[in-house]
C-alpha atoms as a PDB file:
ATOM      1  CA  UNK A   1     -26.064  -8.906 -11.173  1.00  0.00           C
ATOM      2  CA  UNK A   2     -24.229 -10.686  -9.034  1.00  0.00           C
ATOM      3  CA  UNK A   3     -27.224 -11.879  -7.039  1.00  0.00           C
ATOM      4  CA  UNK A   4     -28.915 -13.378 -10.036  1.00  0.00           C
ATOM      5  CA  UNK A   5     -25.282 -15.280 -11.044  1.00  0.00           C
ATOM      6  CA  UNK A   6     -24.368 -16.308  -7.509  1.00  0.00           C
ATOM      7  CA  UNK A   7     -27.839 -16.742  -5.463  1.00  0.00           C
ATOM      8  CA  UNK A   8     -28.584 -20.234  -4.933  1.00  0.00           C
ATOM      9  CA  UNK A   9     -32.140 -20.500  -6.456  1.00  0.00           C
ATOM     10  CA  UNK A  10     -30.748 -18.952  -9.758  1.00  0.00           C
ATOM     11  CA  UNK A  11     -27.750 -21.281  -9.889  1.00  0.00           C
ATOM     12  CA  UNK A  12     -29.792 -24.473  -9.266  1.00  0.00           C
ATOM     13  CA  UNK A  13     -32.037 -23.939 -12.548  1.00  0.00           C
ATOM     14  CA  UNK A  14     -28.971 -24.830 -14.846  1.00  0.00           C
ATOM     15  CA  UNK A  15     -26.083 -22.810 -16.305  1.00  0.00           C
ATOM     16  CA  UNK A  16     -27.874 -20.175 -18.903  1.00  0.00           C
ATOM     17  CA  UNK A  17     -25.627 -17.515 -18.431  1.00  0.00           C
ATOM     18  CA  UNK A  18     -24.986 -17.148 -21.979  1.00  0.00           C
ATOM     19  CA  UNK A  19     -28.079 -16.373 -22.920  1.00  0.00           C
ATOM     20  CA  UNK A  20     -27.427 -12.583 -21.624  1.00  0.00           C
ATOM     21  CA  UNK A  21     -23.959 -12.871 -19.818  1.00  0.00           C
ATOM     22  CA  UNK A  22     -20.930 -13.088 -22.876  1.00  0.00           C
ATOM     23  CA  UNK A  23     -17.520 -14.385 -21.673  1.00  0.00           C
ATOM     24  CA  UNK A  24     -16.063 -10.820 -22.748  1.00  0.00           C
ATOM     25  CA  UNK A  25     -19.075  -9.154 -20.091  1.00  0.00           C
ATOM     26  CA  UNK A  26     -17.543 -11.616 -17.265  1.00  0.00           C
ATOM     27  CA  UNK A  27     -14.215 -10.599 -18.046  1.00  0.00           C
ATOM     28  CA  UNK A  28     -15.004  -6.937 -18.463  1.00  0.00           C
ATOM     29  CA  UNK A  29     -16.714  -7.227 -15.082  1.00  0.00           C
ATOM     30  CA  UNK A  30     -13.790  -8.123 -13.078  1.00  0.00           C
ATOM     31  CA  UNK A  31     -11.327  -6.216 -14.565  1.00  0.00           C
ATOM     32  CA  UNK A  32     -13.860  -2.882 -13.585  1.00  0.00           C
ATOM     33  CA  UNK A  33     -14.288  -4.477 -10.204  1.00  0.00           C
ATOM     34  CA  UNK A  34     -10.167  -4.547 -10.191  1.00  0.00           C
ATOM     35  CA  UNK A  35      -9.760  -0.756 -11.082  1.00  0.00           C
ATOM     36  CA  UNK A  36     -12.351   0.121  -8.274  1.00  0.00           C
ATOM     37  CA  UNK A  37     -10.407  -1.679  -5.565  1.00  0.00           C
ATOM     38  CA  UNK A  38      -7.321   0.022  -6.807  1.00  0.00           C
ATOM     39  CA  UNK A  39      -8.405   3.583  -7.174  1.00  0.00           C
ATOM     40  CA  UNK A  40     -10.981   3.871  -4.338  1.00  0.00           C
ATOM     41  CA  UNK A  41      -9.792   3.040  -1.073  1.00  0.00           C
ATOM     42  CA  UNK A  42     -13.624   3.785   0.442  1.00  0.00           C
ATOM     43  CA  UNK A  43     -15.220   0.682  -2.005  1.00  0.00           C
ATOM     44  CA  UNK A  44     -12.017  -1.465  -1.528  1.00  0.00           C
ATOM     45  CA  UNK A  45     -13.338  -3.790   1.157  1.00  0.00           C
ATOM     46  CA  UNK A  46     -16.593  -4.308  -1.085  1.00  0.00           C
ATOM     47  CA  UNK A  47     -14.668  -4.296  -4.671  1.00  0.00           C
ATOM     48  CA  UNK A  48     -12.231  -7.027  -3.564  1.00  0.00           C
ATOM     49  CA  UNK A  49     -15.429  -9.147  -1.749  1.00  0.00           C
ATOM     50  CA  UNK A  50     -17.698  -8.957  -5.031  1.00  0.00           C
ATOM     51  CA  UNK A  51     -14.648 -10.270  -6.940  1.00  0.00           C
ATOM     52  CA  UNK A  52     -14.105 -13.778  -5.077  1.00  0.00           C
ATOM     53  CA  UNK A  53     -18.273 -13.995  -4.960  1.00  0.00           C
ATOM     54  CA  UNK A  54     -18.208 -13.688  -8.779  1.00  0.00           C
ATOM     55  CA  UNK A  55     -14.959 -15.692  -9.576  1.00  0.00           C
ATOM     56  CA  UNK A  56     -16.637 -18.812  -6.843  1.00  0.00           C
ATOM     57  CA  UNK A  57     -19.849 -18.698  -8.708  1.00  0.00           C
ATOM     58  CA  UNK A  58     -20.593 -22.243  -9.805  1.00  0.00           C
ATOM     59  CA  UNK A  59     -23.047 -20.927 -12.870  1.00  0.00           C
ATOM     60  CA  UNK A  60     -20.330 -19.122 -14.236  1.00  0.00           C
ATOM     61  CA  UNK A  61     -17.720 -22.047 -13.698  1.00  0.00           C
ATOM     62  CA  UNK A  62     -17.046 -22.482 -17.642  1.00  0.00           C
ATOM     63  CA  UNK A  63     -16.328 -18.902 -17.789  1.00  0.00           C
ATOM     64  CA  UNK A  64     -13.848 -18.917 -15.196  1.00  0.00           C
ATOM     65  CA  UNK A  65     -12.148 -21.625 -16.549  1.00  0.00           C
ATOM     66  CA  UNK A  66     -11.766 -19.496 -19.781  1.00  0.00           C
ATOM     67  CA  UNK A  67     -10.662 -16.785 -18.371  1.00  0.00           C
ATOM     68  CA  UNK A  68      -7.499 -18.517 -17.278  1.00  0.00           C
ATOM     69  CA  UNK A  69      -6.629 -19.864 -20.528  1.00  0.00           C
ATOM     70  CA  UNK A  70      -3.212 -18.730 -22.013  1.00  0.00           C
ATOM     71  CA  UNK A  71      -3.631 -17.787 -25.538  1.00  0.00           C
ATOM     72  CA  UNK A  72      -1.100 -16.244 -27.763  1.00  0.00           C
ATOM     73  CA  UNK A  73       0.866 -14.823 -24.613  1.00  0.00           C
ATOM     74  CA  UNK A  74      -2.490 -13.598 -23.155  1.00  0.00           C
ATOM     75  CA  UNK A  75      -4.648 -14.006 -20.417  1.00  0.00           C
ATOM     76  CA  UNK A  76      -7.850 -12.499 -20.076  1.00  0.00           C
ATOM     77  CA  UNK A  77      -7.761 -12.162 -16.120  1.00  0.00           C
ATOM     78  CA  UNK A  78      -4.157 -11.162 -15.941  1.00  0.00           C
ATOM     79  CA  UNK A  79      -4.958  -7.619 -14.727  1.00  0.00           C
ATOM     80  CA  UNK A  80      -7.193  -9.045 -12.346  1.00  0.00           C
ATOM     81  CA  UNK A  81      -4.929 -11.146 -10.711  1.00  0.00           C
ATOM     82  CA  UNK A  82      -2.283  -8.329 -10.940  1.00  0.00           C
ATOM     83  CA  UNK A  83      -4.689  -5.972  -8.811  1.00  0.00           C
ATOM     84  CA  UNK A  84      -5.034  -8.647  -6.428  1.00  0.00           C
ATOM     85  CA  UNK A  85      -1.510  -8.882  -5.931  1.00  0.00           C
ATOM     86  CA  UNK A  86      -1.023  -5.481  -5.819  1.00  0.00           C
ATOM     87  CA  UNK A  87      -3.920  -4.848  -3.197  1.00  0.00           C
ATOM     88  CA  UNK A  88      -2.657  -7.558  -0.847  1.00  0.00           C
ATOM     89  CA  UNK A  89       0.564  -5.671  -0.085  1.00  0.00           C
ATOM     90  CA  UNK A  90      -0.751  -2.150  -0.465  1.00  0.00           C
ATOM     91  CA  UNK A  91      -0.058  -0.173   3.040  1.00  0.00           C
ATOM     92  CA  UNK A  92      -2.504   2.944   2.497  1.00  0.00           C
ATOM     93  CA  UNK A  93      -5.680   0.395   3.454  1.00  0.00           C
ATOM     94  CA  UNK A  94      -5.156  -1.104   7.282  1.00  0.00           C
ATOM     95  CA  UNK A  95      -5.227  -4.637   7.255  1.00  0.00           C
ATOM     96  CA  UNK A  96      -4.474  -6.837  10.062  1.00  0.00           C
ATOM     97  CA  UNK A  97      -1.736  -9.743   9.397  1.00  0.00           C
ATOM     98  CA  UNK A  98      -4.385 -12.489   9.505  1.00  0.00           C
ATOM     99  CA  UNK A  99      -6.504 -10.716   6.542  1.00  0.00           C
ATOM    100  CA  UNK A 100      -3.490 -10.149   4.734  1.00  0.00           C
ATOM    101  CA  UNK A 101      -2.492 -13.982   5.046  1.00  0.00           C
ATOM    102  CA  UNK A 102      -6.325 -14.764   3.600  1.00  0.00           C
ATOM    103  CA  UNK A 103      -5.980 -12.781   0.629  1.00  0.00           C
ATOM    104  CA  UNK A 104      -2.749 -14.541   0.087  1.00  0.00           C
ATOM    105  CA  UNK A 105      -4.301 -17.666   0.353  1.00  0.00           C
ATOM    106  CA  UNK A 106      -7.111 -16.591  -1.832  1.00  0.00           C
ATOM    107  CA  UNK A 107      -4.550 -15.599  -4.672  1.00  0.00           C
ATOM    108  CA  UNK A 108      -2.735 -18.948  -4.255  1.00  0.00           C
ATOM    109  CA  UNK A 109      -6.253 -20.680  -4.647  1.00  0.00           C
ATOM    110  CA  UNK A 110      -6.748 -18.716  -8.162  1.00  0.00           C
ATOM    111  CA  UNK A 111      -3.559 -19.848  -9.440  1.00  0.00           C
ATOM    112  CA  UNK A 112      -3.886 -23.276  -8.478  1.00  0.00           C
ATOM    113  CA  UNK A 113      -7.226 -23.380 -10.483  1.00  0.00           C
ATOM    114  CA  UNK A 114      -5.176 -22.420 -13.280  1.00  0.00           C
ATOM    115  CA  UNK A 115      -2.803 -24.811 -13.177  1.00  0.00           C
ATOM    116  CA  UNK A 116      -5.785 -27.622 -12.549  1.00  0.00           C
ATOM    117  CA  UNK A 117      -7.531 -26.393 -15.761  1.00  0.00           C
ATOM    118  CA  UNK A 118      -4.861 -26.314 -18.207  1.00  0.00           C
ATOM    119  CA  UNK A 119      -1.236 -27.623 -16.706  1.00  0.00           C
ATOM    120  CA  UNK A 120       0.349 -27.924 -19.752  1.00  0.00           C
ATOM    121  CA  UNK A 121       0.066 -24.266 -20.459  1.00  0.00           C
ATOM    122  CA  UNK A 122       0.696 -23.298 -16.545  1.00  0.00           C
ATOM    123  CA  UNK A 123       4.497 -21.976 -17.519  1.00  0.00           C
ATOM    124  CA  UNK A 124       3.278 -19.582 -20.081  1.00  0.00           C
ATOM    125  CA  UNK A 125       0.319 -18.552 -17.383  1.00  0.00           C
ATOM    126  CA  UNK A 126       3.214 -17.637 -15.064  1.00  0.00           C
ATOM    127  CA  UNK A 127       5.029 -15.952 -17.451  1.00  0.00           C
ATOM    128  CA  UNK A 128       2.200 -13.861 -18.728  1.00  0.00           C
ATOM    129  CA  UNK A 129       1.529 -12.891 -14.602  1.00  0.00           C
ATOM    130  CA  UNK A 130       4.775 -11.620 -14.030  1.00  0.00           C
ATOM    131  CA  UNK A 131       5.293  -9.537 -16.976  1.00  0.00           C
ATOM    132  CA  UNK A 132       2.176  -8.084 -16.463  1.00  0.00           C
ATOM    133  CA  UNK A 133       2.918  -6.691 -12.977  1.00  0.00           C
ATOM    134  CA  UNK A 134       6.680  -6.005 -14.633  1.00  0.00           C
ATOM    135  CA  UNK A 135       4.996  -3.479 -17.288  1.00  0.00           C
ATOM    136  CA  UNK A 136       1.689  -2.287 -16.125  1.00  0.00           C
ATOM    137  CA  UNK A 137       1.843   0.683 -13.557  1.00  0.00           C
ATOM    138  CA  UNK A 138      -1.539   0.244 -10.869  1.00  0.00           C
ATOM    139  CA  UNK A 139      -3.187   2.456  -8.405  1.00  0.00           C
ATOM    140  CA  UNK A 140      -1.113   1.677  -4.858  1.00  0.00           C
ATOM    141  CA  UNK A 141       1.979   0.466  -6.065  1.00  0.00           C
ATOM    142  CA  UNK A 142       4.738   1.193  -4.126  1.00  0.00           C
ATOM    143  CA  UNK A 143       8.175   2.005  -5.545  1.00  0.00           C
ATOM    144  CA  UNK A 144       9.885  -0.079  -3.065  1.00  0.00           C
ATOM    145  CA  UNK A 145       8.332  -3.477  -3.926  1.00  0.00           C
ATOM    146  CA  UNK A 146       8.905  -5.476  -7.084  1.00  0.00           C
ATOM    147  CA  UNK A 147       5.804  -6.768  -7.855  1.00  0.00           C
ATOM    148  CA  UNK A 148       7.253  -9.107 -10.182  1.00  0.00           C
ATOM    149  CA  UNK A 149       9.384 -10.971  -7.579  1.00  0.00           C
ATOM    150  CA  UNK A 150       6.176 -11.400  -5.699  1.00  0.00           C
ATOM    151  CA  UNK A 151       4.477 -12.827  -8.246  1.00  0.00           C
ATOM    152  CA  UNK A 152       7.425 -15.171  -8.526  1.00  0.00           C
ATOM    153  CA  UNK A 153       7.456 -16.289  -4.709  1.00  0.00           C
ATOM    154  CA  UNK A 154       3.642 -16.750  -5.040  1.00  0.00           C
ATOM    155  CA  UNK A 155       4.130 -19.387  -7.808  1.00  0.00           C
ATOM    156  CA  UNK A 156       6.962 -20.749  -6.254  1.00  0.00           C
ATOM    157  CA  UNK A 157       5.044 -21.164  -2.921  1.00  0.00           C
ATOM    158  CA  UNK A 158       2.100 -22.893  -5.029  1.00  0.00           C
ATOM    159  CA  UNK A 159       5.039 -25.325  -6.335  1.00  0.00           C
ATOM    160  CA  UNK A 160       5.347 -26.010  -2.637  1.00  0.00           C
ATOM    161  CA  UNK A 161       1.835 -26.504  -1.897  1.00  0.00           C
ATOM    162  CA  UNK A 162      -0.550 -29.199  -2.662  1.00  0.00           C
ATOM    163  CA  UNK A 163      -4.085 -26.974  -2.851  1.00  0.00           C
ATOM    164  CA  UNK A 164      -6.893 -29.833  -3.406  1.00  0.00           C
ATOM    165  CA  UNK A 165      -8.462 -29.335  -7.019  1.00  0.00           C
ATOM    166  CA  UNK A 166     -11.100 -26.674  -6.990  1.00  0.00           C
ATOM    167  CA  UNK A 167      -9.363 -24.800  -4.034  1.00  0.00           C
ATOM    168  CA  UNK A 168     -10.749 -25.687  -1.131  1.00  0.00           C
ATOM    169  CA  UNK A 169      -8.698 -23.172   0.958  1.00  0.00           C
ATOM    170  CA  UNK A 170     -10.125 -20.142   3.334  1.00  0.00           C
ATOM    171  CA  UNK A 171     -12.565 -18.070   1.567  1.00  0.00           C
ATOM    172  CA  UNK A 172     -12.409 -14.353   2.173  1.00  0.00           C
ATOM    173  CA  UNK A 173     -15.778 -12.745   1.503  1.00  0.00           C
ATOM    174  CA  UNK A 174     -18.307 -10.445   3.392  1.00  0.00           C
ATOM    175  CA  UNK A 175     -18.934 -12.188   6.100  1.00  0.00           C
ATOM    176  CA  UNK A 176     -15.251 -13.098   6.933  1.00  0.00           C
ATOM    177  CA  UNK A 177     -14.151  -9.717   6.650  1.00  0.00           C
ATOM    178  CA  UNK A 178     -16.863  -8.515   9.022  1.00  0.00           C
ATOM    179  CA  UNK A 179     -15.922 -10.720  11.677  1.00  0.00           C
ATOM    180  CA  UNK A 180     -12.553  -9.614  11.283  1.00  0.00           C
ATOM    181  CA  UNK A 181     -13.352  -5.788  11.811  1.00  0.00           C
ATOM    182  CA  UNK A 182     -15.953  -6.183  14.702  1.00  0.00           C
ATOM    183  CA  UNK A 183     -13.247  -5.079  17.068  1.00  0.00           C
ATOM    184  CA  UNK A 184     -12.840  -1.979  15.404  1.00  0.00           C
ATOM    185  CA  UNK A 185     -16.894  -1.311  15.394  1.00  0.00           C
ATOM    186  CA  UNK A 186     -17.158  -1.797  11.596  1.00  0.00           C
ATOM    187  CA  UNK A 187     -20.129  -3.288   9.440  1.00  0.00           C
ATOM    188  CA  UNK A 188     -20.155  -5.185   6.584  1.00  0.00           C
ATOM    189  CA  UNK A 189     -23.301  -7.159   5.359  1.00  0.00           C
ATOM    190  CA  UNK A 190     -23.860 -10.772   6.878  1.00  0.00           C
ATOM    191  CA  UNK A 191     -25.317 -13.615   5.287  1.00  0.00           C
ATOM    192  CA  UNK A 192     -26.024 -16.872   6.934  1.00  0.00           C
ATOM    193  CA  UNK A 193     -26.743 -18.558   3.925  1.00  0.00           C
ATOM    194  CA  UNK A 194     -23.883 -20.269   0.988  1.00  0.00           C
ATOM    195  CA  UNK A 195     -21.005 -18.253   0.316  1.00  0.00           C
ATOM    196  CA  UNK A 196     -22.437 -17.495  -3.189  1.00  0.00           C
ATOM    197  CA  UNK A 197     -25.429 -15.935  -1.785  1.00  0.00           C
ATOM    198  CA  UNK A 198     -26.287 -11.859  -1.657  1.00  0.00           C
ATOM    199  CA  UNK A 199     -29.582 -10.665  -0.042  1.00  0.00           C
ATOM    200  CA  UNK A 200     -29.615  -7.703  -2.230  1.00  0.00           C
ATOM    201  CA  UNK A 201     -27.891  -6.711  -5.243  1.00  0.00           C
ATOM    202  CA  UNK A 202     -26.995  -3.848  -3.482  1.00  0.00           C
ATOM    203  CA  UNK A 203     -23.298  -3.916  -1.151  1.00  0.00           C
ATOM    204  CA  UNK A 204     -23.025  -1.456   1.376  1.00  0.00           C
ATOM    205  CA  UNK A 205     -19.650  -1.655   4.434  1.00  0.00           C
ATOM    206  CA  UNK A 206     -17.209   0.476   5.039  1.00  0.00           C
ATOM    207  CA  UNK A 207     -13.648   0.196   5.243  1.00  0.00           C
ATOM    208  CA  UNK A 208     -10.671   1.685   7.361  1.00  0.00           C
ATOM    209  CA  UNK A 209      -7.270   2.793   6.503  1.00  0.00           C
ATOM    210  CA  UNK A 210      -4.351   4.918   7.394  1.00  0.00           C
ATOM    211  CA  UNK A 211      -6.309   7.612   7.845  1.00  0.00           C
ATOM    212  CA  UNK A 212      -8.818   6.624   9.889  1.00  0.00           C
ATOM    213  CA  UNK A 213     -11.262   8.294   7.490  1.00  0.00           C
ATOM    214  CA  UNK A 214     -14.423   6.080   7.556  1.00  0.00           C
ATOM    215  CA  UNK A 215     -16.617   6.187   4.409  1.00  0.00           C
ATOM    216  CA  UNK A 216     -20.051   4.558   3.202  1.00  0.00           C
ATOM    217  CA  UNK A 217     -21.114   2.904  -0.107  1.00  0.00           C
ATOM    218  CA  UNK A 218     -24.316   2.041  -0.690  1.00  0.00           C
ATOM    219  CA  UNK A 219     -25.368   0.186  -3.826  1.00  0.00           C
ATOM    220  CA  UNK A 220     -28.588   1.621  -6.314  1.00  0.00           C
ATOM    221  CA  UNK A 221     -31.399  -0.822  -6.933  1.00  0.00           C
END
């Protein structure tokens, strides 16, 4: 599915996503990946990378835009945003300081996209995000961390930082994660083409965390 919508050859043919992939499907897919990212440490790296790959897919731009539109005090992707914030600060999966900083920049980039698309609704968007983290418990949350305060800090930082419209901040995809883990002898798919391209519909990789166990995830055809 990701290869279909993110592969440059398909994208070049025009946006026909609504023919077989609905807005609701898009939101459910991102939500499902967010759940996998938080609940399965062995799949964490791949799930988060797929979230970003799918989010940045050019042929699904209208779905991405609709997914950050605040309506009746709801945002359909609020759980995905919250999951990314929790995952950024979780301590049960090993990450370097550089990796954490890149994850933070990507979250800020997504928030900036929401602000650019609906500036008149952005204050309500912030309220929904903060309230979601205050009320909803998630896998990987630490009792010592106030996650709604984390969200407030991110929004405050966003206000201080000018990000280019559309988001030109550093991307954190499968290729960059692979490079970051070379020294740990881990391996993830490396793609020499554009960031929006995946060579195969399956994703194989490994992730390291505090217990130093290694897992391998292989997708089915």
